[in-house]
Each structure stands twice: as C-alpha cells, then as structure tokens.
N, C-alpha and C. Protein backbone atom coordinates (compact mmCIF):
# COMPACT_ATOMS: atom_id res chain seq x y z
N MET A 1 0.80 -1.21 0.00
CA MET A 1 0.00 0.00 0.00
C MET A 1 0.84 1.27 0.00
N ALA A 2 2.14 1.13 0.22
CA ALA A 2 3.00 2.31 0.29
C ALA A 2 2.95 3.16 -0.98
N PRO A 3 3.03 2.58 -2.19
CA PRO A 3 2.93 3.42 -3.40
C PRO A 3 1.58 4.13 -3.50
N LEU A 4 0.50 3.46 -3.12
CA LEU A 4 -0.83 4.08 -3.14
C LEU A 4 -0.88 5.28 -2.19
N ILE A 5 -0.33 5.13 -1.00
CA ILE A 5 -0.33 6.21 -0.01
C ILE A 5 0.49 7.39 -0.52
N GLU A 6 1.67 7.11 -1.11
CA GLU A 6 2.51 8.19 -1.64
C GLU A 6 1.76 8.96 -2.74
N ASP A 7 1.12 8.22 -3.64
CA ASP A 7 0.35 8.87 -4.72
C ASP A 7 -0.81 9.68 -4.17
N CYS A 8 -1.51 9.15 -3.17
CA CYS A 8 -2.65 9.88 -2.59
C CYS A 8 -2.21 11.16 -1.90
N VAL A 9 -1.08 11.11 -1.21
CA VAL A 9 -0.56 12.32 -0.56
C VAL A 9 -0.20 13.35 -1.61
N ALA A 10 0.50 12.93 -2.66
CA ALA A 10 0.90 13.86 -3.73
C ALA A 10 -0.32 14.45 -4.43
N LEU A 11 -1.31 13.62 -4.72
CA LEU A 11 -2.50 14.10 -5.42
C LEU A 11 -3.36 15.00 -4.53
N PHE A 12 -3.32 14.78 -3.23
CA PHE A 12 -4.09 15.63 -2.32
C PHE A 12 -3.41 16.99 -2.15
N VAL A 13 -2.11 16.99 -1.98
CA VAL A 13 -1.37 18.23 -1.72
C VAL A 13 -1.19 19.06 -2.99
N ASP A 14 -0.67 18.44 -4.05
CA ASP A 14 -0.34 19.17 -5.28
C ASP A 14 -1.50 19.26 -6.25
N GLY A 15 -2.31 18.23 -6.31
CA GLY A 15 -3.41 18.21 -7.27
C GLY A 15 -2.93 17.87 -8.68
N VAL A 16 -3.87 17.77 -9.59
CA VAL A 16 -3.59 17.44 -10.98
C VAL A 16 -4.22 18.51 -11.85
N PRO A 17 -3.46 19.11 -12.79
CA PRO A 17 -4.08 20.09 -13.69
C PRO A 17 -5.17 19.42 -14.53
N THR A 18 -6.35 20.01 -14.53
CA THR A 18 -7.50 19.40 -15.18
C THR A 18 -8.25 20.46 -15.99
N ILE A 19 -8.92 20.01 -17.04
CA ILE A 19 -9.73 20.89 -17.87
C ILE A 19 -11.18 20.45 -17.77
N ASP A 20 -12.06 21.40 -17.49
CA ASP A 20 -13.49 21.12 -17.45
C ASP A 20 -14.06 21.44 -18.84
N ALA A 21 -14.44 20.41 -19.56
CA ALA A 21 -14.90 20.57 -20.94
C ALA A 21 -16.25 21.26 -21.04
N SER A 22 -16.97 21.40 -19.94
CA SER A 22 -18.28 22.05 -20.01
C SER A 22 -18.18 23.57 -20.13
N TYR A 23 -17.01 24.15 -19.80
CA TYR A 23 -16.81 25.59 -19.94
C TYR A 23 -16.27 25.89 -21.34
N PRO A 24 -16.59 27.05 -21.91
CA PRO A 24 -16.07 27.40 -23.26
C PRO A 24 -14.58 27.71 -23.20
N LEU A 25 -13.94 27.61 -24.35
CA LEU A 25 -12.51 27.94 -24.46
C LEU A 25 -12.27 29.37 -24.01
N GLY A 26 -11.18 29.60 -23.29
CA GLY A 26 -10.83 30.93 -22.82
C GLY A 26 -11.44 31.30 -21.48
N ASP A 27 -12.39 30.53 -20.98
CA ASP A 27 -13.00 30.80 -19.67
C ASP A 27 -11.97 30.45 -18.58
N PRO A 28 -11.75 31.38 -17.61
CA PRO A 28 -10.74 31.09 -16.57
C PRO A 28 -11.13 29.90 -15.67
N LEU A 29 -12.40 29.56 -15.60
CA LEU A 29 -12.82 28.44 -14.76
C LEU A 29 -12.63 27.09 -15.46
N ARG A 30 -12.23 27.11 -16.74
CA ARG A 30 -12.07 25.87 -17.49
C ARG A 30 -10.92 25.02 -16.94
N GLU A 31 -9.83 25.65 -16.52
CA GLU A 31 -8.67 24.93 -15.99
C GLU A 31 -8.63 25.06 -14.47
N PHE A 32 -8.41 23.95 -13.78
CA PHE A 32 -8.33 23.94 -12.32
C PHE A 32 -7.46 22.77 -11.88
N LYS A 33 -7.09 22.78 -10.61
CA LYS A 33 -6.33 21.68 -10.04
C LYS A 33 -7.30 20.75 -9.31
N LEU A 34 -7.25 19.48 -9.67
CA LEU A 34 -8.10 18.47 -9.07
C LEU A 34 -7.34 17.75 -7.97
N SER A 35 -7.85 17.78 -6.75
CA SER A 35 -7.24 17.07 -5.63
C SER A 35 -7.97 15.75 -5.42
N VAL A 36 -7.24 14.79 -4.91
CA VAL A 36 -7.78 13.44 -4.73
C VAL A 36 -7.67 13.05 -3.27
N LEU A 37 -8.67 12.35 -2.76
CA LEU A 37 -8.60 11.79 -1.42
C LEU A 37 -9.43 10.52 -1.34
N ILE A 38 -9.09 9.69 -0.37
CA ILE A 38 -9.84 8.45 -0.14
C ILE A 38 -10.96 8.77 0.84
N LEU A 39 -12.18 8.57 0.42
CA LEU A 39 -13.31 8.83 1.31
C LEU A 39 -13.63 7.62 2.19
N TRP A 40 -13.61 6.44 1.59
CA TRP A 40 -13.87 5.23 2.34
C TRP A 40 -13.30 4.05 1.59
N THR A 41 -13.21 2.94 2.27
CA THR A 41 -12.82 1.70 1.63
C THR A 41 -13.96 0.71 1.80
N ASP A 42 -14.18 -0.09 0.79
CA ASP A 42 -15.25 -1.07 0.84
C ASP A 42 -14.62 -2.43 1.12
N THR A 43 -14.78 -2.92 2.34
CA THR A 43 -14.17 -4.17 2.74
C THR A 43 -15.15 -5.01 3.52
N ASP A 44 -14.82 -6.27 3.68
CA ASP A 44 -15.57 -7.12 4.59
C ASP A 44 -15.00 -6.91 5.99
N TRP A 45 -15.51 -7.65 6.96
CA TRP A 45 -15.09 -7.43 8.35
C TRP A 45 -13.60 -7.75 8.53
N LEU A 46 -13.12 -8.83 7.93
CA LEU A 46 -11.70 -9.17 8.04
C LEU A 46 -10.84 -8.15 7.29
N GLY A 47 -11.33 -7.69 6.15
CA GLY A 47 -10.61 -6.67 5.40
C GLY A 47 -10.52 -5.36 6.16
N LEU A 48 -11.55 -5.05 6.94
CA LEU A 48 -11.52 -3.85 7.77
C LEU A 48 -10.37 -3.92 8.76
N GLY A 49 -10.20 -5.09 9.37
CA GLY A 49 -9.09 -5.27 10.31
C GLY A 49 -7.75 -5.14 9.63
N SER A 50 -7.63 -5.69 8.43
CA SER A 50 -6.36 -5.61 7.69
C SER A 50 -6.07 -4.19 7.24
N CYS A 51 -7.09 -3.50 6.76
CA CYS A 51 -6.92 -2.15 6.21
C CYS A 51 -6.70 -1.11 7.32
N SER A 52 -7.45 -1.21 8.41
CA SER A 52 -7.39 -0.19 9.45
C SER A 52 -6.39 -0.49 10.55
N GLY A 53 -6.03 -1.76 10.73
CA GLY A 53 -5.14 -2.12 11.81
C GLY A 53 -5.85 -2.32 13.13
N LEU A 54 -7.17 -2.15 13.15
CA LEU A 54 -7.94 -2.31 14.38
C LEU A 54 -8.34 -3.77 14.56
N LYS A 55 -8.60 -4.16 15.80
CA LYS A 55 -9.02 -5.53 16.06
C LYS A 55 -10.47 -5.72 15.62
N THR A 56 -10.74 -6.84 14.97
CA THR A 56 -12.11 -7.14 14.55
C THR A 56 -12.52 -8.53 15.02
N SER A 57 -11.84 -9.05 16.01
CA SER A 57 -12.21 -10.34 16.57
C SER A 57 -11.84 -10.34 18.05
N GLY A 58 -12.35 -11.30 18.77
CA GLY A 58 -12.05 -11.41 20.18
C GLY A 58 -12.90 -10.47 21.02
N TYR A 59 -12.37 -10.08 22.16
CA TYR A 59 -13.13 -9.26 23.09
C TYR A 59 -13.26 -7.81 22.64
N CYS A 60 -12.46 -7.37 21.69
CA CYS A 60 -12.51 -6.00 21.17
C CYS A 60 -12.95 -6.00 19.71
N ALA A 61 -13.98 -6.71 19.37
CA ALA A 61 -14.34 -6.92 17.97
C ALA A 61 -14.97 -5.71 17.30
N CYS A 62 -15.46 -4.75 18.04
CA CYS A 62 -16.16 -3.62 17.45
C CYS A 62 -15.27 -2.38 17.47
N HIS A 63 -14.91 -1.86 16.28
CA HIS A 63 -14.06 -0.67 16.22
C HIS A 63 -14.82 0.59 16.62
N LYS A 64 -16.13 0.54 16.61
CA LYS A 64 -16.92 1.71 17.01
C LYS A 64 -17.06 1.79 18.52
N CYS A 65 -17.07 0.65 19.18
CA CYS A 65 -17.21 0.62 20.65
C CYS A 65 -15.86 0.72 21.35
N GLY A 66 -14.80 0.21 20.70
CA GLY A 66 -13.49 0.21 21.33
C GLY A 66 -13.49 -0.65 22.57
N ASN A 67 -12.99 -0.11 23.67
CA ASN A 67 -12.96 -0.85 24.93
C ASN A 67 -14.33 -0.92 25.59
N GLY A 68 -15.30 -0.20 25.06
CA GLY A 68 -16.64 -0.19 25.66
C GLY A 68 -17.42 -1.47 25.41
N LEU A 69 -16.98 -2.28 24.45
CA LEU A 69 -17.66 -3.54 24.14
C LEU A 69 -17.23 -4.58 25.16
N ARG A 70 -18.21 -5.20 25.79
CA ARG A 70 -17.89 -6.21 26.77
C ARG A 70 -18.42 -7.55 26.28
N GLY A 71 -17.52 -8.40 25.89
CA GLY A 71 -17.89 -9.73 25.46
C GLY A 71 -17.59 -10.72 26.57
N ARG A 72 -18.19 -11.89 26.46
CA ARG A 72 -17.89 -12.96 27.41
C ARG A 72 -17.84 -14.26 26.62
N HIS A 73 -17.11 -15.20 27.16
CA HIS A 73 -16.98 -16.48 26.48
C HIS A 73 -18.15 -17.37 26.85
N SER A 74 -18.86 -17.87 25.85
CA SER A 74 -19.98 -18.78 26.06
C SER A 74 -19.46 -20.21 25.98
N LYS A 75 -19.61 -20.95 27.07
CA LYS A 75 -19.14 -22.34 27.09
C LYS A 75 -19.97 -23.21 26.15
N SER A 76 -21.27 -22.95 26.11
CA SER A 76 -22.14 -23.80 25.28
C SER A 76 -21.92 -23.56 23.79
N LEU A 77 -21.57 -22.33 23.39
CA LEU A 77 -21.32 -22.02 21.98
C LEU A 77 -19.85 -22.12 21.61
N SER A 78 -18.98 -22.17 22.61
CA SER A 78 -17.52 -22.19 22.42
C SER A 78 -17.02 -20.99 21.62
N LYS A 79 -17.58 -19.83 21.90
CA LYS A 79 -17.10 -18.60 21.26
C LYS A 79 -17.47 -17.40 22.12
N ILE A 80 -16.99 -16.24 21.70
CA ILE A 80 -17.25 -15.00 22.44
C ILE A 80 -18.58 -14.44 21.96
N VAL A 81 -19.43 -14.04 22.91
CA VAL A 81 -20.73 -13.45 22.57
C VAL A 81 -20.78 -12.04 23.16
N TYR A 82 -21.59 -11.19 22.54
CA TYR A 82 -21.67 -9.78 22.90
C TYR A 82 -23.12 -9.44 23.22
N HIS A 83 -23.54 -9.66 24.45
CA HIS A 83 -24.92 -9.39 24.82
C HIS A 83 -25.23 -7.91 24.80
N GLU A 84 -24.30 -7.09 25.22
CA GLU A 84 -24.55 -5.65 25.31
C GLU A 84 -24.51 -4.96 23.95
N HIS A 85 -24.25 -5.68 22.89
CA HIS A 85 -24.19 -5.06 21.57
C HIS A 85 -25.59 -4.77 21.03
N ARG A 86 -26.61 -5.08 21.80
CA ARG A 86 -27.98 -4.74 21.39
C ARG A 86 -28.25 -3.25 21.56
N THR A 87 -27.29 -2.50 22.08
CA THR A 87 -27.47 -1.04 22.21
C THR A 87 -27.62 -0.38 20.85
N TRP A 88 -27.19 -1.04 19.78
CA TRP A 88 -27.29 -0.49 18.43
C TRP A 88 -28.70 -0.64 17.86
N LEU A 89 -29.51 -1.46 18.48
CA LEU A 89 -30.90 -1.62 18.02
C LEU A 89 -31.74 -0.42 18.45
N PRO A 90 -32.83 -0.11 17.75
CA PRO A 90 -33.72 0.96 18.20
C PRO A 90 -34.28 0.66 19.59
N ALA A 91 -34.62 1.70 20.34
CA ALA A 91 -35.07 1.53 21.72
C ALA A 91 -36.34 0.68 21.82
N ASP A 92 -37.19 0.72 20.79
CA ASP A 92 -38.44 -0.03 20.85
C ASP A 92 -38.34 -1.42 20.20
N ASP A 93 -37.14 -1.86 19.86
CA ASP A 93 -36.97 -3.16 19.22
C ASP A 93 -37.31 -4.29 20.21
N PRO A 94 -38.10 -5.28 19.81
CA PRO A 94 -38.48 -6.35 20.73
C PRO A 94 -37.28 -7.18 21.20
N MET A 95 -36.26 -7.36 20.37
CA MET A 95 -35.09 -8.14 20.80
C MET A 95 -34.27 -7.40 21.85
N ARG A 96 -34.33 -6.08 21.83
CA ARG A 96 -33.58 -5.30 22.82
C ARG A 96 -34.22 -5.44 24.19
N ASN A 97 -35.52 -5.54 24.22
CA ASN A 97 -36.24 -5.59 25.48
C ASN A 97 -36.71 -6.99 25.85
N ALA A 98 -36.16 -8.02 25.21
CA ALA A 98 -36.62 -9.38 25.45
C ALA A 98 -36.30 -9.88 26.86
N GLY A 99 -35.32 -9.28 27.50
CA GLY A 99 -35.01 -9.67 28.87
C GLY A 99 -34.53 -11.10 28.96
N ARG A 100 -34.98 -11.81 29.96
CA ARG A 100 -34.51 -13.17 30.22
C ARG A 100 -35.04 -14.19 29.21
N THR A 101 -35.93 -13.80 28.34
CA THR A 101 -36.43 -14.73 27.33
C THR A 101 -35.29 -15.20 26.42
N HIS A 102 -34.47 -14.25 25.94
CA HIS A 102 -33.36 -14.58 25.04
C HIS A 102 -31.99 -14.24 25.61
N TRP A 103 -31.93 -13.28 26.53
CA TRP A 103 -30.65 -12.76 27.01
C TRP A 103 -30.59 -12.85 28.52
N LEU A 104 -29.48 -12.43 29.08
CA LEU A 104 -29.33 -12.42 30.53
C LEU A 104 -30.14 -11.31 31.17
N SER A 105 -30.36 -10.22 30.44
CA SER A 105 -31.11 -9.08 30.97
C SER A 105 -31.60 -8.23 29.81
N SER A 106 -32.45 -7.24 30.11
CA SER A 106 -32.87 -6.29 29.10
C SER A 106 -31.76 -5.28 28.88
N GLU A 107 -31.72 -4.69 27.68
CA GLU A 107 -30.68 -3.72 27.34
C GLU A 107 -31.24 -2.32 27.53
N ARG A 108 -30.68 -1.57 28.46
CA ARG A 108 -31.18 -0.23 28.76
C ARG A 108 -30.20 0.87 28.36
N LYS A 109 -28.95 0.51 28.07
CA LYS A 109 -27.95 1.53 27.76
C LYS A 109 -28.15 2.09 26.35
N THR A 110 -27.62 3.29 26.12
CA THR A 110 -27.65 3.89 24.79
C THR A 110 -26.43 3.42 24.01
N ARG A 111 -26.47 3.62 22.70
CA ARG A 111 -25.34 3.19 21.87
C ARG A 111 -24.10 3.97 22.25
N PRO A 112 -22.95 3.33 22.24
CA PRO A 112 -21.71 3.98 22.66
C PRO A 112 -21.19 4.96 21.61
N ILE A 113 -20.42 5.91 22.09
CA ILE A 113 -19.72 6.84 21.19
C ILE A 113 -18.32 6.30 21.04
N GLY A 114 -17.96 5.94 19.83
CA GLY A 114 -16.66 5.31 19.58
C GLY A 114 -15.50 6.27 19.75
N PRO A 115 -14.30 5.70 19.83
CA PRO A 115 -13.11 6.54 19.96
C PRO A 115 -12.91 7.42 18.73
N SER A 116 -12.42 8.62 18.94
CA SER A 116 -12.11 9.53 17.84
C SER A 116 -10.75 9.14 17.25
N PRO A 117 -10.41 9.67 16.08
CA PRO A 117 -9.08 9.37 15.52
C PRO A 117 -7.94 9.75 16.47
N GLN A 118 -8.11 10.82 17.21
CA GLN A 118 -7.07 11.23 18.16
C GLN A 118 -6.94 10.21 19.30
N GLU A 119 -8.08 9.64 19.73
CA GLU A 119 -8.02 8.63 20.79
C GLU A 119 -7.34 7.35 20.30
N TRP A 120 -7.59 6.98 19.03
CA TRP A 120 -6.88 5.82 18.47
C TRP A 120 -5.39 6.12 18.42
N GLN A 121 -5.00 7.34 18.07
CA GLN A 121 -3.58 7.72 18.02
C GLN A 121 -2.96 7.62 19.41
N GLU A 122 -3.67 8.10 20.43
CA GLU A 122 -3.16 8.02 21.80
C GLU A 122 -2.98 6.57 22.24
N ARG A 123 -3.93 5.72 21.87
CA ARG A 123 -3.81 4.30 22.22
C ARG A 123 -2.58 3.68 21.56
N TRP A 124 -2.37 3.99 20.28
CA TRP A 124 -1.22 3.42 19.59
C TRP A 124 0.08 3.95 20.19
N ASP A 125 0.11 5.22 20.59
CA ASP A 125 1.30 5.78 21.24
C ASP A 125 1.59 5.05 22.55
N LYS A 126 0.56 4.72 23.29
CA LYS A 126 0.75 3.97 24.54
C LYS A 126 1.26 2.56 24.26
N VAL A 127 0.80 1.96 23.16
CA VAL A 127 1.29 0.62 22.79
C VAL A 127 2.77 0.69 22.43
N THR A 128 3.17 1.70 21.67
CA THR A 128 4.59 1.81 21.28
C THR A 128 5.48 2.14 22.47
N ARG A 129 4.95 2.82 23.49
CA ARG A 129 5.71 3.09 24.71
C ARG A 129 5.62 1.95 25.71
N ARG A 130 4.89 0.88 25.34
CA ARG A 130 4.69 -0.32 26.16
C ARG A 130 3.95 -0.02 27.46
N GLU A 131 3.10 1.01 27.45
CA GLU A 131 2.24 1.30 28.59
C GLU A 131 0.95 0.49 28.51
N LEU A 132 0.65 0.00 27.31
CA LEU A 132 -0.60 -0.70 27.05
C LEU A 132 -0.31 -1.81 26.05
N THR A 133 -0.99 -2.94 26.21
CA THR A 133 -0.82 -4.03 25.25
C THR A 133 -1.74 -3.81 24.05
N LYS A 134 -1.43 -4.46 22.94
CA LYS A 134 -2.27 -4.35 21.76
C LYS A 134 -3.68 -4.88 22.04
N THR A 135 -3.76 -5.92 22.86
CA THR A 135 -5.07 -6.50 23.19
C THR A 135 -5.92 -5.52 23.97
N LYS A 136 -5.34 -4.86 24.96
CA LYS A 136 -6.09 -3.88 25.76
C LYS A 136 -6.44 -2.64 24.96
N ALA A 137 -5.58 -2.27 24.02
CA ALA A 137 -5.81 -1.07 23.22
C ALA A 137 -6.77 -1.33 22.07
N CYS A 138 -7.07 -2.60 21.77
CA CYS A 138 -7.96 -2.99 20.66
C CYS A 138 -7.41 -2.56 19.31
N ILE A 139 -6.09 -2.59 19.17
CA ILE A 139 -5.46 -2.20 17.92
C ILE A 139 -4.28 -3.13 17.65
N ASN A 140 -4.15 -3.61 16.41
CA ASN A 140 -3.07 -4.52 16.05
C ASN A 140 -1.84 -3.79 15.54
N ARG A 141 -2.05 -2.79 14.71
CA ARG A 141 -0.93 -2.05 14.11
C ARG A 141 -1.45 -0.69 13.66
N TRP A 142 -0.51 0.20 13.34
CA TRP A 142 -0.86 1.53 12.85
C TRP A 142 -0.91 1.45 11.34
N SER A 143 -2.07 1.67 10.75
CA SER A 143 -2.27 1.51 9.32
C SER A 143 -1.55 2.59 8.52
N ALA A 144 -1.15 2.23 7.31
CA ALA A 144 -0.51 3.19 6.40
C ALA A 144 -1.48 4.29 5.98
N LEU A 145 -2.78 3.99 6.01
CA LEU A 145 -3.78 5.00 5.64
C LEU A 145 -3.78 6.19 6.59
N TYR A 146 -3.31 5.99 7.81
CA TYR A 146 -3.31 7.07 8.80
C TYR A 146 -2.24 8.11 8.51
N GLN A 147 -1.37 7.87 7.53
CA GLN A 147 -0.35 8.85 7.14
C GLN A 147 -0.93 9.92 6.23
N LEU A 148 -2.14 9.69 5.73
CA LEU A 148 -2.76 10.68 4.85
C LEU A 148 -3.02 11.97 5.62
N PRO A 149 -2.76 13.13 5.02
CA PRO A 149 -2.85 14.39 5.76
C PRO A 149 -4.24 14.73 6.27
N TYR A 150 -5.27 14.20 5.67
CA TYR A 150 -6.63 14.54 6.08
C TYR A 150 -7.23 13.52 7.03
N TRP A 151 -6.49 12.50 7.42
CA TRP A 151 -7.07 11.45 8.25
C TRP A 151 -7.47 11.95 9.63
N LYS A 152 -6.67 12.80 10.23
CA LYS A 152 -6.94 13.24 11.61
C LYS A 152 -8.22 14.07 11.72
N VAL A 153 -8.64 14.68 10.64
CA VAL A 153 -9.87 15.47 10.70
C VAL A 153 -11.09 14.67 10.22
N SER A 154 -10.83 13.47 9.72
CA SER A 154 -11.95 12.66 9.24
C SER A 154 -12.65 12.01 10.43
N LEU A 155 -13.86 11.61 10.21
CA LEU A 155 -14.60 10.92 11.26
C LEU A 155 -14.67 9.44 10.90
N ILE A 156 -14.01 8.59 11.69
CA ILE A 156 -14.05 7.16 11.41
C ILE A 156 -15.25 6.52 12.08
N ARG A 157 -15.93 7.27 12.91
CA ARG A 157 -17.13 6.70 13.51
C ARG A 157 -18.36 7.20 12.77
N SER A 158 -19.22 6.32 12.44
CA SER A 158 -20.45 6.67 11.75
C SER A 158 -21.62 6.11 12.50
N SER A 159 -22.76 6.67 12.29
CA SER A 159 -23.92 6.21 13.03
C SER A 159 -24.65 5.12 12.29
C-alpha cells in the first residue's frame, strides 16, 4: 500500500491540472487543479481489520465501541458473545427488550460513542511506549492510511 499512499498524498497536496470541458474555451474556470482523497474503503469485516489495523475479533471486535464492548466467552457455543451489543438496536426493538427470554437481561444503555481518531492515536502511542498491550488497546498495528494528511480530521465513527 505504500505506493498508493505516496500517490494519494501527492495528489491531495499538489493536485492534478484538469480541464473542465463544459466551460467554453478561454474561460478562466475551465482549468483547475483536481485534488484526490480516499473517502472510504469497501471491505468485509476481516478486510476492515487488515486495512485499518484495528481488532475485529475477540473481546474488542467492534471498532466503534473500542474498549466499551464487553464480550464474554460462552461455554455452550464455544465462542465469544456480545450481549450488550444490542445497544445499536432501536429503543423499541423487541429483541432489545426481550429480557430473560433470550438474554441475561434487558438492554437499557444507549449506543456507545466510539473513539475519535485522536483517541486511536493516543492508544497506539501507549502501545509503542509499552504502557498498554495491543489487546487492551484494541489495535493490532498503525495503518498506512493514517499517514494521509486529512485522516486526523476525518470521522471514522459513523452512526
């Protein structure tokens, strides 16, 4: 991905001379510099982990919840389950309020506010200083996409 990142940085900063054919010849608005940026990537869940460097499995499987996601190991299913992840359902959803019928309890909490890009940066800095483990920080590596100049102002959390 390094060549892609280098090209994206150059195209964002310098731009590309472009001609808009819809304007008549001699119009000053006909020529302009076109800048390029990556708005989003279309990946599956495993691809999201590879592309972003965030954990997408285990106890920190949700990049929007970060450390706020609390999973537990189910002995009967032999995997990690996330009962509190029903906070993403609408408040009047029957599965959210099913209580002991399907879950251990009813879900009363609101949906979590995920970490901001700056909070992910702070977590990675703590990992590199060995103040925090990758597992506790919910991050595997620092992605090359984060070198893009506009990444820090972008919102990686969506509703």
